[in-house]
Protein backbone atom coordinates (compact mmCIF):
# COMPACT_ATOMS: atom_id res chain seq x y z
CA MET A 1 -77.02 64.98 -13.54
CA PRO A 2 -79.83 62.50 -13.60
CA PRO A 3 -79.19 58.88 -14.04
CA PRO A 4 -78.21 57.75 -17.13
CA THR A 5 -80.46 55.29 -19.11
CA PRO A 6 -77.63 53.03 -21.33
CA ILE A 7 -79.85 51.01 -22.90
CA ARG A 8 -82.14 53.53 -24.45
CA ASP A 9 -79.14 56.06 -25.29
CA GLY A 10 -77.74 53.45 -26.92
CA PHE A 11 -80.28 52.37 -29.32
CA ARG A 12 -81.10 55.87 -29.63
CA ALA A 13 -77.63 56.89 -31.34
CA ILE A 14 -76.89 54.06 -33.46
CA TRP A 15 -80.77 55.91 -34.87
CA ARG A 16 -80.12 58.93 -35.30
CA GLN A 17 -76.33 58.11 -37.16
CA PRO A 18 -76.79 54.59 -38.15
CA SER A 19 -73.21 55.76 -39.70
CA ILE A 20 -71.73 54.31 -37.06
CA PHE A 21 -73.53 50.80 -37.65
CA LEU A 22 -71.97 50.69 -41.40
CA ALA A 23 -68.81 51.73 -40.47
CA GLU A 24 -69.14 48.36 -37.74
CA LEU A 25 -70.51 46.63 -40.28
CA ALA A 26 -68.13 46.89 -42.92
CA TRP A 27 -64.80 46.09 -41.20
CA ARG A 28 -66.93 43.08 -39.69
CA TRP A 29 -67.76 41.92 -42.82
CA SER A 30 -64.39 42.79 -44.97
CA TRP A 31 -62.76 40.52 -43.03
CA GLY A 32 -65.66 38.00 -42.84
CA GLY A 33 -65.50 38.29 -46.55
CA ALA A 34 -61.39 37.96 -46.91
CA THR A 35 -61.83 34.95 -44.34
CA ILE A 36 -64.24 32.92 -46.54
CA LEU A 37 -62.24 33.97 -49.92
CA LEU A 38 -58.79 32.82 -48.07
CA VAL A 39 -59.96 29.66 -47.00
CA GLY A 40 -62.25 29.10 -49.93
CA LEU A 41 -58.88 28.98 -52.30
CA ALA A 42 -57.30 26.93 -49.10
CA LEU A 43 -59.83 24.34 -49.56
CA PHE A 44 -59.62 24.34 -53.07
CA GLU A 45 -55.60 24.00 -53.72
CA TYR A 46 -55.84 21.10 -50.82
CA LEU A 47 -58.47 19.40 -53.11
CA HIS A 48 -55.98 19.63 -56.22
CA THR A 49 -53.38 17.31 -54.35
CA LEU A 50 -55.35 14.82 -53.16
CA ILE A 51 -55.53 12.03 -56.02
CA VAL A 52 -58.35 9.76 -56.74
CA THR A 53 -57.53 6.33 -58.37
CA PRO A 54 -59.55 4.06 -60.23
CA ALA A 55 -60.13 2.11 -57.84
CA ASP A 56 -61.54 4.97 -55.34
CA LEU A 57 -64.23 5.96 -58.09
CA LEU A 58 -65.53 3.09 -58.43
CA LEU A 59 -66.56 2.28 -54.51
CA LEU A 60 -67.84 5.40 -54.55
CA ARG A 61 -70.26 4.66 -57.31
CA LEU A 62 -71.12 2.19 -55.37
CA LYS A 63 -72.94 4.19 -52.70
CA HIS A 64 -72.65 1.60 -49.75
CA PRO A 65 -71.47 3.10 -46.26
CA LEU A 66 -68.56 1.02 -46.05
CA ALA A 67 -67.44 0.77 -49.97
CA VAL A 68 -67.77 4.89 -49.52
CA SER A 69 -65.40 5.20 -46.77
CA ARG A 70 -62.79 2.57 -47.74
CA ALA A 71 -62.54 4.71 -50.91
CA LEU A 72 -62.14 8.44 -48.33
CA ASN A 73 -59.56 6.39 -46.65
CA ASP A 74 -57.57 5.58 -49.30
CA ILE A 75 -58.11 9.19 -50.73
CA PHE A 76 -57.47 11.31 -47.56
CA HIS A 77 -54.40 8.95 -46.01
CA GLY A 78 -50.93 10.78 -45.67
CA SER A 79 -52.75 14.53 -46.56
CA GLY A 80 -52.54 15.41 -42.49
CA PRO A 81 -49.27 17.39 -43.04
CA ARG A 82 -50.37 19.26 -45.96
CA VAL A 83 -53.53 19.90 -43.81
CA ILE A 84 -51.42 21.53 -40.91
CA ARG A 85 -49.13 23.00 -43.13
CA THR A 86 -51.98 25.18 -44.66
CA LEU A 87 -53.24 25.58 -40.87
CA ILE A 88 -49.92 27.33 -39.81
CA VAL A 89 -49.79 30.17 -42.78
CA LEU A 90 -53.43 30.21 -43.00
CA ILE A 91 -54.21 31.02 -39.30
CA PRO A 92 -51.81 33.85 -38.49
CA ALA A 93 -52.66 36.07 -41.86
CA LEU A 94 -55.91 35.56 -40.39
CA ALA A 95 -55.36 36.92 -36.96
CA LEU A 96 -53.13 39.74 -38.02
CA LEU A 97 -55.85 40.70 -40.61
CA TRP A 98 -58.31 41.21 -37.99
CA THR A 99 -56.04 42.61 -35.75
CA LEU A 100 -55.65 45.83 -38.23
CA LEU A 101 -59.02 45.54 -38.93
CA GLY A 102 -60.42 45.66 -35.61
CA ALA A 103 -58.39 48.41 -34.51
CA LEU A 104 -59.23 50.88 -37.53
CA GLY A 105 -62.92 49.89 -37.12
CA ARG A 106 -63.56 50.38 -33.17
CA PHE A 107 -61.32 53.50 -33.55
CA GLY A 108 -63.45 54.61 -36.13
CA THR A 109 -67.00 53.22 -33.98
CA VAL A 110 -65.98 54.50 -30.78
CA ARG A 111 -64.36 58.09 -31.71
CA ALA A 112 -67.84 58.68 -33.21
CA LEU A 113 -69.94 58.18 -30.63
CA ILE A 114 -67.53 60.03 -28.64
CA ALA A 115 -67.69 62.60 -30.25
CA ARG A 116 -71.61 62.86 -30.76
CA ALA A 117 -72.04 62.19 -26.47
CA THR A 118 -69.39 64.78 -26.36
CA PRO A 119 -68.59 67.65 -29.01
CA ASP A 120 -66.18 69.16 -27.22
CA TRP A 121 -63.91 66.22 -26.91
CA VAL A 122 -60.85 66.43 -28.63
CA PRO A 123 -59.05 63.33 -29.88
CA GLU A 124 -55.64 62.83 -29.15
CA PRO A 125 -53.31 60.42 -31.04
CA GLY A 126 -52.18 57.19 -29.99
CA SER A 127 -55.42 54.93 -29.21
CA ILE A 128 -54.65 53.01 -32.47
CA PRO A 129 -51.76 51.16 -31.48
CA ALA A 130 -53.18 50.65 -28.02
CA LEU A 131 -56.10 49.19 -29.80
CA VAL A 132 -53.51 47.55 -31.57
CA GLY A 133 -52.57 45.54 -28.85
CA LEU A 134 -56.54 45.21 -27.27
CA HIS A 135 -57.14 43.08 -30.45
CA ALA A 136 -53.97 40.90 -30.08
CA LEU A 137 -54.26 40.34 -26.76
CA ARG A 138 -58.18 38.96 -27.86
CA VAL A 139 -56.72 37.00 -30.59
CA ALA A 140 -54.51 35.47 -28.26
CA LEU A 141 -57.18 35.26 -25.53
CA ALA A 142 -58.84 32.85 -28.23
CA LEU A 143 -56.51 30.85 -28.89
CA ALA A 144 -55.67 29.90 -25.38
CA GLY A 145 -59.31 29.14 -24.48
CA LEU A 146 -59.34 26.69 -28.06
CA LEU A 147 -56.47 25.02 -26.57
CA SER A 148 -58.42 25.12 -23.14
CA PHE A 149 -61.53 23.49 -24.72
CA LEU A 150 -59.00 20.91 -25.78
CA GLY A 151 -57.76 19.96 -22.57
CA ALA A 152 -60.58 19.73 -21.31
CA ALA A 153 -61.43 17.33 -23.89
CA LEU A 154 -58.04 15.06 -23.17
CA VAL A 155 -58.59 15.36 -19.31
CA ALA A 156 -62.47 13.92 -20.48
CA SER A 157 -60.75 10.88 -22.41
CA LEU A 158 -58.66 9.77 -19.85
CA VAL A 159 -61.79 8.62 -17.95
CA SER A 160 -62.92 6.62 -20.96
CA SER A 161 -61.09 4.12 -23.10
CA PRO A 162 -61.79 1.49 -26.32
CA LYS A 163 -62.17 -1.76 -23.45
CA THR A 164 -64.09 0.32 -20.45
CA PRO A 165 -65.76 2.80 -22.40
CA HIS A 166 -68.09 5.85 -20.24
CA VAL A 167 -69.39 7.97 -21.88
CA GLY A 168 -71.60 9.73 -19.91
CA LEU A 169 -68.78 10.19 -17.03
CA ALA A 170 -66.74 11.74 -19.63
CA MET A 171 -69.81 14.02 -20.69
CA LEU A 172 -70.00 14.72 -16.98
CA LEU A 173 -66.12 15.48 -16.32
CA PHE A 174 -65.93 17.40 -19.56
CA VAL A 175 -69.24 19.91 -19.80
CA PRO A 176 -68.57 21.53 -16.15
CA LEU A 177 -65.12 22.38 -17.83
CA ALA A 178 -66.16 23.42 -20.62
CA ILE A 179 -68.39 26.24 -18.95
CA LEU A 180 -65.61 27.46 -16.67
CA VAL A 181 -63.11 27.68 -19.60
CA PHE A 182 -66.60 29.83 -21.66
CA MET A 183 -66.50 31.95 -18.04
CA ILE A 184 -63.25 32.60 -17.56
CA TRP A 185 -62.76 33.37 -21.85
CA SER A 186 -65.82 35.70 -21.94
CA SER A 187 -65.23 37.98 -18.66
CA VAL A 188 -61.80 38.84 -20.05
CA ASN A 189 -62.80 39.50 -23.60
CA TRP A 190 -65.10 41.73 -22.41
CA PHE A 191 -63.01 43.47 -20.10
CA LEU A 192 -60.53 43.56 -23.62
CA SER A 193 -63.87 45.17 -25.76
CA PHE A 194 -64.27 47.69 -23.07
CA ALA A 195 -61.24 49.03 -22.41
CA ALA A 196 -61.30 50.05 -25.98
CA VAL A 197 -63.02 52.80 -24.66
CA PHE A 198 -60.55 54.00 -22.58
CA ALA A 199 -58.56 53.27 -24.96
CA VAL A 200 -59.84 55.88 -27.73
CA ARG A 201 -61.11 58.66 -25.10
CA ASP A 202 -58.58 59.11 -22.53
CA ALA A 203 -55.71 57.90 -25.11
CA GLU A 204 -54.56 55.92 -22.79
CA ASP A 205 -51.72 52.50 -23.78
CA THR A 206 -52.91 48.69 -24.18
CA PHE A 207 -52.81 48.49 -20.85
CA GLY A 208 -53.36 51.46 -18.94
CA SER A 209 -57.04 50.86 -20.81
CA ILE A 210 -57.71 47.86 -18.78
CA VAL A 211 -56.44 49.28 -15.24
CA ALA A 212 -59.12 51.93 -16.56
CA ALA A 213 -61.50 49.01 -17.54
CA LEU A 214 -61.18 47.56 -14.37
CA ASP A 215 -61.17 50.50 -12.22
CA PHE A 216 -64.59 51.78 -13.77
CA SER A 217 -66.00 48.32 -13.12
CA ARG A 218 -64.98 48.27 -9.91
CA ARG A 219 -66.80 51.53 -9.20
CA ARG A 220 -69.98 51.45 -11.57
CA GLY A 221 -70.18 47.84 -11.75
CA GLY A 222 -73.81 47.68 -11.20
CA LYS A 223 -74.93 49.69 -14.15
CA THR A 224 -71.90 48.32 -16.28
CA SER A 225 -73.15 44.62 -15.65
CA ALA A 226 -76.87 45.62 -16.16
CA VAL A 227 -75.64 46.77 -19.63
CA GLY A 228 -74.51 43.85 -20.43
CA PHE A 229 -76.68 42.04 -19.05
CA TRP A 230 -80.05 42.96 -20.85
CA PHE A 231 -77.98 43.40 -24.30
CA GLY A 232 -76.40 39.83 -23.59
CA ALA A 233 -80.19 38.33 -22.88
CA MET A 234 -81.53 39.89 -26.45
CA HIS A 235 -78.55 38.83 -28.13
CA LEU A 236 -79.49 35.82 -27.30
CA VAL A 237 -82.75 35.94 -28.29
CA ALA A 238 -81.70 37.06 -31.55
CA PHE A 239 -79.50 33.45 -31.93
CA VAL A 240 -82.37 31.44 -30.63
CA ILE A 241 -84.54 32.86 -33.64
CA GLY A 242 -81.77 32.85 -36.56
CA MET A 243 -81.31 29.05 -35.38
CA THR A 244 -85.27 28.53 -35.56
CA VAL A 245 -85.76 30.86 -38.66
CA VAL A 246 -82.53 28.54 -40.15
CA ALA A 247 -84.32 25.55 -39.79
CA TYR A 248 -87.04 26.37 -42.60
CA PRO A 249 -84.85 25.93 -45.67
CA LEU A 250 -83.52 22.91 -44.61
CA ALA A 251 -86.82 21.63 -44.44
CA LEU A 252 -87.61 22.56 -47.47
CA ALA A 253 -84.37 21.49 -49.19
CA SER A 254 -86.64 18.30 -51.01
CA LEU A 255 -89.11 21.09 -52.38
CA ILE A 256 -86.63 23.18 -53.69
CA PRO A 257 -83.21 23.22 -55.33
CA PRO A 258 -79.91 22.82 -53.02
CA GLY A 259 -78.97 26.56 -54.81
CA ILE A 260 -81.78 28.47 -53.32
CA THR A 261 -81.96 26.46 -50.12
CA LEU A 262 -78.18 27.50 -49.31
CA LEU A 263 -79.22 30.77 -50.62
CA LEU A 264 -81.69 31.52 -47.97
CA MET A 265 -79.67 29.40 -45.56
CA GLY A 266 -77.00 32.50 -46.30
CA LEU A 267 -79.31 35.19 -46.28
CA VAL A 268 -80.86 34.08 -42.55
CA VAL A 269 -77.61 33.64 -41.11
CA LEU A 270 -76.09 37.44 -42.64
CA ALA A 271 -79.29 38.75 -41.05
CA TYR A 272 -78.08 37.76 -37.51
CA PHE A 273 -74.49 38.78 -37.91
CA ALA A 274 -76.02 42.03 -38.51
CA ILE A 275 -78.25 42.20 -35.82
CA ALA A 276 -75.47 40.95 -33.53
CA ASP A 277 -73.55 43.07 -34.96
CA TYR A 278 -75.98 46.43 -34.58
CA LEU A 279 -76.51 45.11 -31.18
CA TYR A 280 -72.89 45.36 -30.01
CA VAL A 281 -72.41 48.64 -31.20
CA ALA A 282 -75.38 49.85 -28.76
CA ARG A 283 -73.77 48.01 -26.08
CA LEU A 284 -70.51 50.17 -26.63
CA ALA A 285 -73.08 53.03 -26.86
CA GLY A 286 -74.42 52.26 -23.64
CA TYR A 287 -71.10 51.52 -21.74
CA LEU A 288 -70.19 54.78 -23.39
CA ALA A 289 -73.39 56.57 -21.64
CA VAL A 290 -72.37 55.59 -18.04
CA VAL A 291 -68.82 56.89 -18.87
CA GLU A 292 -69.76 60.36 -19.87
CA TRP A 293 -72.24 60.09 -17.02
CA ASP A 294 -69.39 58.92 -14.37
CA ARG A 295 -67.38 61.68 -15.30
CA SER A 296 -69.99 64.78 -15.26
CA SER A 297 -71.30 63.76 -11.87
CA PRO A 298 -70.12 66.17 -9.40
CA VAL A 299 -67.78 64.65 -6.78
CA GLU A 300 -68.88 63.75 -3.01
CA PRO A 301 -67.74 66.85 -1.02
CA ASP A 302 -65.64 65.98 2.12
CA ALA A 303 -67.50 65.48 5.44
CA VAL A 304 -68.39 68.51 7.64
CA ALA A 305 -68.32 68.68 11.43
CA PRO A 306 -72.44 68.10 13.22
CA ALA A 307 -73.83 71.11 13.96
CA GLY A 308 -73.33 72.67 16.97
CA MET A 309 -69.86 70.97 17.63
CA GLU A 310 -67.17 73.51 18.50
CA PRO A 311 -64.02 73.49 15.87
CA PRO A 312 -61.27 71.87 17.42
CA THR A 313 -58.75 74.90 19.29
CA MET A 314 -55.51 75.73 19.58
CA LEU A 315 -53.80 74.79 22.44
CA TYR A 316 -51.77 77.43 22.92
CA PRO A 317 -53.44 80.68 21.25
CA PRO A 318 -51.67 83.59 18.62
CA ASP A 319 -50.73 85.52 21.01
CA SER A 320 -49.54 83.71 24.19
CA GLY A 321 -45.93 83.00 22.09
CA GLY A 322 -46.82 79.04 22.60
CA SER A 323 -44.44 76.94 20.09
CA GLU A 324 -45.78 74.72 17.14
CA ILE A 325 -47.20 71.72 18.48
CA LEU A 326 -44.49 69.12 17.56
CA GLU A 327 -46.43 66.48 15.03
CA ASP A 328 -44.25 63.47 16.87
CA GLU A 329 -45.24 63.48 20.26
CA PRO A 330 -48.72 62.98 21.70
CA LEU A 331 -51.44 65.72 22.13
CA PHE A 332 -51.01 65.95 25.93
CA SER A 333 -47.25 65.96 25.51
CA SER A 334 -47.07 68.65 23.45
CA ARG A 335 -45.15 71.68 25.51
CA ARG A 336 -43.86 74.84 25.32
CA ARG A 337 -40.37 75.72 24.40
CA SER A 338 -37.54 74.27 26.16
CA LEU A 339 -37.07 76.36 29.58
CA ALA A 340 -33.23 75.87 29.01
CA ASP A 341 -33.92 78.02 25.50
CA GLU A 342 -35.49 81.18 27.77
CA ASP A 343 -33.60 83.74 29.82
CA CYS A 344 -34.76 82.40 33.57
CA ASP A 345 -33.98 85.49 36.33
CA GLU A 346 -35.33 83.46 38.94
CA PRO A 347 -34.08 80.10 40.34
CA MET A 348 -36.00 76.95 39.24
CA MET A 349 -35.69 76.18 43.05
CA PRO A 350 -36.36 78.35 45.67
CA GLY A 351 -33.21 78.86 47.69
CA PHE A 352 -30.72 77.46 44.70
CA SER A 353 -29.12 79.05 42.44
CA PRO A 354 -26.95 78.14 39.70
CA GLY A 355 -23.67 77.15 40.38
CA GLU A 356 -24.31 76.01 43.78
CA PRO A 357 -24.06 72.20 45.04
CA LEU A 358 -27.32 70.92 46.01
CA PRO A 359 -28.15 70.48 49.40
CA GLY A 360 -26.93 67.95 51.19
CA ARG A 361 -23.91 67.76 48.87
């Protein structure tokens, strides 16, 4: 089978069956909309708990930086525990929602991609629990990455203090640690996202799909790395273009109403998210093309003897009555059965018969 072209195959799969991209967009944007709604309601309820006194209003109307900061300090003083309680409820709820929606959405998109690439494929039950486990691991990985970033910032802050500030040294220590944390997080997150292909295709469990992804990356690491590199480069280009375009409404903020500015910025952000989701699904299709090519590739034949070399001959031909070669002994110590097991008509030594004493005794 000829080598695959995963980049072209990935875009071709989404172009010929756009419902796969729409399904991915549906579950991702459903979670995003629910997140915005829950965060907005939580913020609205939190603001209702704040107490604004007439003195605070007077300080805010002065519009002086010191007066405004004093008023905000008085308004938000003592509201930290409420924020923590809100986060304790909100973060697990959003994580659980993302895990369930992500497992169902990933099952639908990967199943459609596999069915398109392999028409005779028969889905097996048990994929959704494995996908739930993979997405739960990704949530735990994201929280661990966030804590690692906070730990890196804490370590970097140890070299700088209010009395002896060393901002440059702190940044010099924080940036390498942050890059290391990001590289570890992105690598592990990539394996967890790639394992979803084996969880759906081969009905592997959570850890079995991770092992399958690791084994496949070891065998076909060059092709999978190339797919990830090119799609990652395209995602980076889309991000840079999106950040550049979103700056134009900000530059026109003084000429157009604030509502229109926010609307334009929101449309640019939604367009970027749509392009990112499109590239993500195309990358999954590219990975699947490499997996299908690997499964359909012929097995390498065993090594054959060079021309002109005779096959090894048996130590004793079949018709010679020789016994089997002993496996536990070296080749040159192989022998026939013991002479004691054979009938001997002649003595082993001339002039000596069994039962007679040896000469000299």
